[in-house]
Amino acid sequence: MNINPYEVKTKEELIGFLISLRSDLKINGKDWENPTLDDFLEGMEAWLTDTGSMTDTSIWGTFAIILSAGKSYE
């Protein structure tokens, strides 16, 4: 994945991040901890439950970080 989710600040950057994330799944899905939608959403839920680091990030960056966490957070 080429775009750092912590650097996403705008809607346009979030769209670019989503494109990159989807491409990474197609190319490297076998390396993802959570490659199915069910597992991905569960990873997002678990990460959101456990994290305390989402206070000062823009809304777009927050969403990108959450999506990134869904990829691998258990």
PDB file of N, CA and C in Angstrom:
ATOM      1  N   MET A   1       0.853  -1.173   0.000  1.00  0.00           N
ATOM      2  CA  MET A   1       0.000   0.000   0.000  1.00  0.00           C
ATOM      3  C   MET A   1       0.897   1.234   0.000  1.00  0.00           C
ATOM      4  N   ASN A   2       0.577   2.184  -0.845  1.00  0.00           N
ATOM      5  CA  ASN A   2       1.441   3.338  -1.029  1.00  0.00           C
ATOM      6  C   ASN A   2       1.086   4.537  -0.159  1.00  0.00           C
ATOM      7  N   ILE A   3      -0.141   4.633   0.332  1.00  0.00           N
ATOM      8  CA  ILE A   3      -0.587   5.825   1.044  1.00  0.00           C
ATOM      9  C   ILE A   3      -0.629   5.532   2.539  1.00  0.00           C
ATOM     10  N   ASN A   4       0.022   6.373   3.312  1.00  0.00           N
ATOM     11  CA  ASN A   4       0.029   6.237   4.765  1.00  0.00           C
ATOM     12  C   ASN A   4      -1.301   6.761   5.312  1.00  0.00           C
ATOM     13  N   PRO A   5      -2.079   5.932   6.025  1.00  0.00           N
ATOM     14  CA  PRO A   5      -3.385   6.394   6.516  1.00  0.00           C
ATOM     15  C   PRO A   5      -3.269   7.570   7.483  1.00  0.00           C
ATOM     16  N   TYR A   6      -2.130   7.723   8.156  1.00  0.00           N
ATOM     17  CA  TYR A   6      -1.940   8.835   9.088  1.00  0.00           C
ATOM     18  C   TYR A   6      -1.713  10.163   8.375  1.00  0.00           C
ATOM     19  N   GLU A   7      -1.519  10.118   7.058  1.00  0.00           N
ATOM     20  CA  GLU A   7      -1.309  11.337   6.287  1.00  0.00           C
ATOM     21  C   GLU A   7      -2.552  11.767   5.513  1.00  0.00           C
ATOM     22  N   VAL A   8      -3.623  11.017   5.584  1.00  0.00           N
ATOM     23  CA  VAL A   8      -4.865  11.348   4.874  1.00  0.00           C
ATOM     24  C   VAL A   8      -5.564  12.487   5.614  1.00  0.00           C
ATOM     25  N   LYS A   9      -5.814  13.579   4.912  1.00  0.00           N
ATOM     26  CA  LYS A   9      -6.433  14.761   5.523  1.00  0.00           C
ATOM     27  C   LYS A   9      -7.660  15.267   4.772  1.00  0.00           C
ATOM     28  N   THR A  10      -7.886  14.796   3.548  1.00  0.00           N
ATOM     29  CA  THR A  10      -8.988  15.314   2.743  1.00  0.00           C
ATOM     30  C   THR A  10      -9.808  14.158   2.174  1.00  0.00           C
ATOM     31  N   LYS A  11     -10.959  14.492   1.678  1.00  0.00           N
ATOM     32  CA  LYS A  11     -11.818  13.501   1.029  1.00  0.00           C
ATOM     33  C   LYS A  11     -11.100  12.879  -0.168  1.00  0.00           C
ATOM     34  N   GLU A  12     -10.431  13.707  -0.949  1.00  0.00           N
ATOM     35  CA  GLU A  12      -9.736  13.216  -2.135  1.00  0.00           C
ATOM     36  C   GLU A  12      -8.614  12.251  -1.757  1.00  0.00           C
ATOM     37  N   GLU A  13      -7.895  12.579  -0.688  1.00  0.00           N
ATOM     38  CA  GLU A  13      -6.845  11.677  -0.223  1.00  0.00           C
ATOM     39  C   GLU A  13      -7.434  10.368   0.297  1.00  0.00           C
ATOM     40  N   LEU A  14      -8.591  10.443   0.933  1.00  0.00           N
ATOM     41  CA  LEU A  14      -9.255   9.228   1.402  1.00  0.00           C
ATOM     42  C   LEU A  14      -9.661   8.345   0.223  1.00  0.00           C
ATOM     43  N   ILE A  15     -10.147   8.951  -0.838  1.00  0.00           N
ATOM     44  CA  ILE A  15     -10.503   8.190  -2.039  1.00  0.00           C
ATOM     45  C   ILE A  15      -9.263   7.497  -2.597  1.00  0.00           C
ATOM     46  N   GLY A  16      -8.160   8.218  -2.667  1.00  0.00           N
ATOM     47  CA  GLY A  16      -6.906   7.615  -3.122  1.00  0.00           C
ATOM     48  C   GLY A  16      -6.468   6.477  -2.218  1.00  0.00           C
ATOM     49  N   PHE A  17      -6.655   6.655  -0.914  1.00  0.00           N
ATOM     50  CA  PHE A  17      -6.316   5.600   0.031  1.00  0.00           C
ATOM     51  C   PHE A  17      -7.186   4.369  -0.196  1.00  0.00           C
ATOM     52  N   LEU A  18      -8.472   4.567  -0.412  1.00  0.00           N
ATOM     53  CA  LEU A  18      -9.378   3.439  -0.666  1.00  0.00           C
ATOM     54  C   LEU A  18      -8.980   2.683  -1.935  1.00  0.00           C
ATOM     55  N   ILE A  19      -8.627   3.400  -2.964  1.00  0.00           N
ATOM     56  CA  ILE A  19      -8.174   2.775  -4.210  1.00  0.00           C
ATOM     57  C   ILE A  19      -6.920   1.946  -3.935  1.00  0.00           C
ATOM     58  N   SER A  20      -5.987   2.516  -3.185  1.00  0.00           N
ATOM     59  CA  SER A  20      -4.752   1.819  -2.851  1.00  0.00           C
ATOM     60  C   SER A  20      -5.024   0.597  -1.972  1.00  0.00           C
ATOM     61  N   LEU A  21      -5.921   0.730  -1.006  1.00  0.00           N
ATOM     62  CA  LEU A  21      -6.252  -0.379  -0.118  1.00  0.00           C
ATOM     63  C   LEU A  21      -6.885  -1.530  -0.891  1.00  0.00           C
ATOM     64  N   ARG A  22      -7.821  -1.213  -1.769  1.00  0.00           N
ATOM     65  CA  ARG A  22      -8.471  -2.244  -2.584  1.00  0.00           C
ATOM     66  C   ARG A  22      -7.480  -2.929  -3.508  1.00  0.00           C
ATOM     67  N   SER A  23      -6.573  -2.160  -4.086  1.00  0.00           N
ATOM     68  CA  SER A  23      -5.532  -2.726  -4.945  1.00  0.00           C
ATOM     69  C   SER A  23      -4.620  -3.651  -4.148  1.00  0.00           C
ATOM     70  N   ASP A  24      -4.272  -3.232  -2.938  1.00  0.00           N
ATOM     71  CA  ASP A  24      -3.423  -4.063  -2.090  1.00  0.00           C
ATOM     72  C   ASP A  24      -4.109  -5.386  -1.759  1.00  0.00           C
ATOM     73  N   LEU A  25      -5.411  -5.358  -1.517  1.00  0.00           N
ATOM     74  CA  LEU A  25      -6.154  -6.589  -1.251  1.00  0.00           C
ATOM     75  C   LEU A  25      -6.103  -7.522  -2.459  1.00  0.00           C
ATOM     76  N   LYS A  26      -6.301  -6.967  -3.653  1.00  0.00           N
ATOM     77  CA  LYS A  26      -6.266  -7.793  -4.865  1.00  0.00           C
ATOM     78  C   LYS A  26      -4.895  -8.418  -5.082  1.00  0.00           C
ATOM     79  N   ILE A  27      -3.843  -7.677  -4.808  1.00  0.00           N
ATOM     80  CA  ILE A  27      -2.481  -8.140  -5.063  1.00  0.00           C
ATOM     81  C   ILE A  27      -1.925  -8.961  -3.908  1.00  0.00           C
ATOM     82  N   ASN A  28      -2.191  -8.538  -2.670  1.00  0.00           N
ATOM     83  CA  ASN A  28      -1.560  -9.138  -1.492  1.00  0.00           C
ATOM     84  C   ASN A  28      -2.556  -9.711  -0.495  1.00  0.00           C
ATOM     85  N   GLY A  29      -3.761 -10.001  -0.926  1.00  0.00           N
ATOM     86  CA  GLY A  29      -4.805 -10.476  -0.020  1.00  0.00           C
ATOM     87  C   GLY A  29      -4.399 -11.683   0.808  1.00  0.00           C
ATOM     88  N   LYS A  30      -3.562 -12.534   0.236  1.00  0.00           N
ATOM     89  CA  LYS A  30      -3.118 -13.731   0.975  1.00  0.00           C
ATOM     90  C   LYS A  30      -2.284 -13.353   2.190  1.00  0.00           C
ATOM     91  N   ASP A  31      -1.726 -12.141   2.205  1.00  0.00           N
ATOM     92  CA  ASP A  31      -0.909 -11.680   3.324  1.00  0.00           C
ATOM     93  C   ASP A  31      -1.714 -10.910   4.374  1.00  0.00           C
ATOM     94  N   TRP A  32      -2.964 -10.603   4.072  1.00  0.00           N
ATOM     95  CA  TRP A  32      -3.807  -9.871   5.014  1.00  0.00           C
ATOM     96  C   TRP A  32      -4.271 -10.793   6.131  1.00  0.00           C
ATOM     97  N   GLU A  33      -4.326 -10.299   7.336  1.00  0.00           N
ATOM     98  CA  GLU A  33      -4.876 -11.045   8.463  1.00  0.00           C
ATOM     99  C   GLU A  33      -6.389 -11.203   8.292  1.00  0.00           C
ATOM    100  N   ASN A  34      -7.042 -10.199   7.712  1.00  0.00           N
ATOM    101  CA  ASN A  34      -8.502 -10.169   7.586  1.00  0.00           C
ATOM    102  C   ASN A  34      -8.932  -9.918   6.141  1.00  0.00           C
ATOM    103  N   PRO A  35      -8.817 -10.910   5.254  1.00  0.00           N
ATOM    104  CA  PRO A  35      -9.089 -10.683   3.838  1.00  0.00           C
ATOM    105  C   PRO A  35     -10.567 -10.734   3.451  1.00  0.00           C
ATOM    106  N   THR A  36     -11.446 -11.279   4.301  1.00  0.00           N
ATOM    107  CA  THR A  36     -12.873 -11.298   3.969  1.00  0.00           C
ATOM    108  C   THR A  36     -13.548 -10.082   4.586  1.00  0.00           C
ATOM    109  N   LEU A  37     -14.691  -9.704   4.054  1.00  0.00           N
ATOM    110  CA  LEU A  37     -15.400  -8.548   4.594  1.00  0.00           C
ATOM    111  C   LEU A  37     -15.770  -8.765   6.052  1.00  0.00           C
ATOM    112  N   ASP A  38     -16.235  -9.947   6.393  1.00  0.00           N
ATOM    113  CA  ASP A  38     -16.602 -10.241   7.777  1.00  0.00           C
ATOM    114  C   ASP A  38     -15.402 -10.075   8.703  1.00  0.00           C
ATOM    115  N   ASP A  39     -14.278 -10.664   8.332  1.00  0.00           N
ATOM    116  CA  ASP A  39     -13.068 -10.545   9.150  1.00  0.00           C
ATOM    117  C   ASP A  39     -12.572  -9.098   9.196  1.00  0.00           C
ATOM    118  N   PHE A  40     -12.650  -8.412   8.073  1.00  0.00           N
ATOM    119  CA  PHE A  40     -12.213  -7.021   7.985  1.00  0.00           C
ATOM    120  C   PHE A  40     -13.021  -6.142   8.938  1.00  0.00           C
ATOM    121  N   LEU A  41     -14.339  -6.295   8.900  1.00  0.00           N
ATOM    122  CA  LEU A  41     -15.199  -5.498   9.783  1.00  0.00           C
ATOM    123  C   LEU A  41     -14.960  -5.855  11.245  1.00  0.00           C
ATOM    124  N   GLU A  42     -14.746  -7.125  11.527  1.00  0.00           N
ATOM    125  CA  GLU A  42     -14.449  -7.545  12.895  1.00  0.00           C
ATOM    126  C   GLU A  42     -13.128  -6.927  13.366  1.00  0.00           C
ATOM    127  N   GLY A  43     -12.138  -6.883  12.475  1.00  0.00           N
ATOM    128  CA  GLY A  43     -10.867  -6.244  12.805  1.00  0.00           C
ATOM    129  C   GLY A  43     -11.034  -4.763  13.089  1.00  0.00           C
ATOM    130  N   MET A  44     -11.854  -4.076  12.295  1.00  0.00           N
ATOM    131  CA  MET A  44     -12.134  -2.661  12.534  1.00  0.00           C
ATOM    132  C   MET A  44     -12.800  -2.474  13.894  1.00  0.00           C
ATOM    133  N   GLU A  45     -13.803  -3.297  14.172  1.00  0.00           N
ATOM    134  CA  GLU A  45     -14.515  -3.207  15.447  1.00  0.00           C
ATOM    135  C   GLU A  45     -13.568  -3.429  16.629  1.00  0.00           C
ATOM    136  N   ALA A  46     -12.737  -4.456  16.549  1.00  0.00           N
ATOM    137  CA  ALA A  46     -11.806  -4.765  17.637  1.00  0.00           C
ATOM    138  C   ALA A  46     -10.802  -3.634  17.838  1.00  0.00           C
ATOM    139  N   TRP A  47     -10.292  -3.101  16.738  1.00  0.00           N
ATOM    140  CA  TRP A  47      -9.312  -2.025  16.849  1.00  0.00           C
ATOM    141  C   TRP A  47      -9.940  -0.781  17.462  1.00  0.00           C
ATOM    142  N   LEU A  48     -11.159  -0.427  17.022  1.00  0.00           N
ATOM    143  CA  LEU A  48     -11.839   0.742  17.579  1.00  0.00           C
ATOM    144  C   LEU A  48     -12.131   0.560  19.059  1.00  0.00           C
ATOM    145  N   THR A  49     -12.481  -0.648  19.454  1.00  0.00           N
ATOM    146  CA  THR A  49     -12.751  -0.935  20.863  1.00  0.00           C
ATOM    147  C   THR A  49     -11.494  -0.755  21.703  1.00  0.00           C
ATOM    148  N   ASP A  50     -10.348  -1.172  21.183  1.00  0.00           N
ATOM    149  CA  ASP A  50      -9.100  -1.178  21.941  1.00  0.00           C
ATOM    150  C   ASP A  50      -8.295   0.113  21.879  1.00  0.00           C
ATOM    151  N   THR A  51      -8.487   0.931  20.844  1.00  0.00           N
ATOM    152  CA  THR A  51      -7.612   2.087  20.650  1.00  0.00           C
ATOM    153  C   THR A  51      -8.053   3.289  21.484  1.00  0.00           C
ATOM    154  N   GLY A  52      -7.081   4.084  21.846  1.00  0.00           N
ATOM    155  CA  GLY A  52      -7.350   5.349  22.503  1.00  0.00           C
ATOM    156  C   GLY A  52      -6.663   6.478  21.766  1.00  0.00           C
ATOM    157  N   SER A  53      -6.253   6.236  20.527  1.00  0.00           N
ATOM    158  CA  SER A  53      -5.414   7.193  19.804  1.00  0.00           C
ATOM    159  C   SER A  53      -6.157   8.008  18.752  1.00  0.00           C
ATOM    160  N   MET A  54      -7.472   8.049  18.797  1.00  0.00           N
ATOM    161  CA  MET A  54      -8.216   8.703  17.716  1.00  0.00           C
ATOM    162  C   MET A  54      -8.808  10.051  18.133  1.00  0.00           C
ATOM    163  N   THR A  55      -8.050  10.876  18.820  1.00  0.00           N
ATOM    164  CA  THR A  55      -8.621  12.124  19.310  1.00  0.00           C
ATOM    165  C   THR A  55      -8.276  13.355  18.474  1.00  0.00           C
ATOM    166  N   ASP A  56      -7.104  13.422  17.871  1.00  0.00           N
ATOM    167  CA  ASP A  56      -6.666  14.653  17.194  1.00  0.00           C
ATOM    168  C   ASP A  56      -6.480  14.517  15.690  1.00  0.00           C
ATOM    169  N   THR A  57      -7.023  13.505  15.082  1.00  0.00           N
ATOM    170  CA  THR A  57      -6.844  13.274  13.658  1.00  0.00           C
ATOM    171  C   THR A  57      -8.083  13.752  12.907  1.00  0.00           C
ATOM    172  N   SER A  58      -7.897  14.276  11.701  1.00  0.00           N
ATOM    173  CA  SER A  58      -9.028  14.726  10.905  1.00  0.00           C
ATOM    174  C   SER A  58     -10.005  13.578  10.656  1.00  0.00           C
ATOM    175  N   ILE A  59     -11.232  13.891  10.344  1.00  0.00           N
ATOM    176  CA  ILE A  59     -12.250  12.870  10.081  1.00  0.00           C
ATOM    177  C   ILE A  59     -11.842  11.948   8.934  1.00  0.00           C
ATOM    178  N   TRP A  60     -11.236  12.503   7.894  1.00  0.00           N
ATOM    179  CA  TRP A  60     -10.832  11.679   6.749  1.00  0.00           C
ATOM    180  C   TRP A  60      -9.678  10.768   7.136  1.00  0.00           C
ATOM    181  N   GLY A  61      -8.731  11.303   7.865  1.00  0.00           N
ATOM    182  CA  GLY A  61      -7.618  10.497   8.334  1.00  0.00           C
ATOM    183  C   GLY A  61      -8.077   9.416   9.298  1.00  0.00           C
ATOM    184  N   THR A  62      -9.028   9.754  10.150  1.00  0.00           N
ATOM    185  CA  THR A  62      -9.573   8.776  11.088  1.00  0.00           C
ATOM    186  C   THR A  62     -10.178   7.602  10.336  1.00  0.00           C
ATOM    187  N   PHE A  63     -10.956   7.883   9.320  1.00  0.00           N
ATOM    188  CA  PHE A  63     -11.580   6.809   8.548  1.00  0.00           C
ATOM    189  C   PHE A  63     -10.536   5.955   7.840  1.00  0.00           C
ATOM    190  N   ALA A  64      -9.518   6.585   7.296  1.00  0.00           N
ATOM    191  CA  ALA A  64      -8.451   5.835   6.623  1.00  0.00           C
ATOM    192  C   ALA A  64      -7.705   4.938   7.609  1.00  0.00           C
ATOM    193  N   ILE A  65      -7.453   5.446   8.807  1.00  0.00           N
ATOM    194  CA  ILE A  65      -6.767   4.652   9.823  1.00  0.00           C
ATOM    195  C   ILE A  65      -7.622   3.465  10.239  1.00  0.00           C
ATOM    196  N   ILE A  66      -8.914   3.679  10.377  1.00  0.00           N
ATOM    197  CA  ILE A  66      -9.834   2.588  10.738  1.00  0.00           C
ATOM    198  C   ILE A  66      -9.829   1.514   9.649  1.00  0.00           C
ATOM    199  N   LEU A  67      -9.896   1.922   8.381  1.00  0.00           N
ATOM    200  CA  LEU A  67      -9.861   0.950   7.289  1.00  0.00           C
ATOM    201  C   LEU A  67      -8.537   0.198   7.271  1.00  0.00           C
ATOM    202  N   SER A  68      -7.459   0.894   7.511  1.00  0.00           N
ATOM    203  CA  SER A  68      -6.157   0.245   7.544  1.00  0.00           C
ATOM    204  C   SER A  68      -6.081  -0.775   8.681  1.00  0.00           C
ATOM    205  N   ALA A  69      -6.642  -0.432   9.816  1.00  0.00           N
ATOM    206  CA  ALA A  69      -6.653  -1.355  10.955  1.00  0.00           C
ATOM    207  C   ALA A  69      -7.464  -2.608  10.635  1.00  0.00           C
ATOM    208  N   GLY A  70      -8.531  -2.461   9.873  1.00  0.00           N
ATOM    209  CA  GLY A  70      -9.347  -3.624   9.509  1.00  0.00           C
ATOM    210  C   GLY A  70      -8.580  -4.664   8.729  1.00  0.00           C
ATOM    211  N   LYS A  71      -7.540  -4.238   8.071  1.00  0.00           N
ATOM    212  CA  LYS A  71      -6.715  -5.151   7.274  1.00  0.00           C
ATOM    213  C   LYS A  71      -5.988  -6.160   8.136  1.00  0.00           C
ATOM    214  N   SER A  72      -5.534  -5.764   9.306  1.00  0.00           N
ATOM    215  CA  SER A  72      -4.656  -6.667  10.053  1.00  0.00           C
ATOM    216  C   SER A  72      -4.895  -6.742  11.555  1.00  0.00           C
ATOM    217  N   TYR A  73      -5.701  -5.852  12.126  1.00  0.00           N
ATOM    218  CA  TYR A  73      -5.893  -5.854  13.559  1.00  0.00           C
ATOM    219  C   TYR A  73      -6.770  -7.010  13.995  1.00  0.00           C
ATOM    220  N   GLU A  74      -6.362  -7.709  15.038  1.00  0.00           N
ATOM    221  CA  GLU A  74      -7.129  -8.869  15.495  1.00  0.00           C
ATOM    222  C   GLU A  74      -8.031  -8.510  16.635  1.00  0.00           C
TER     223      GLU A  74
END
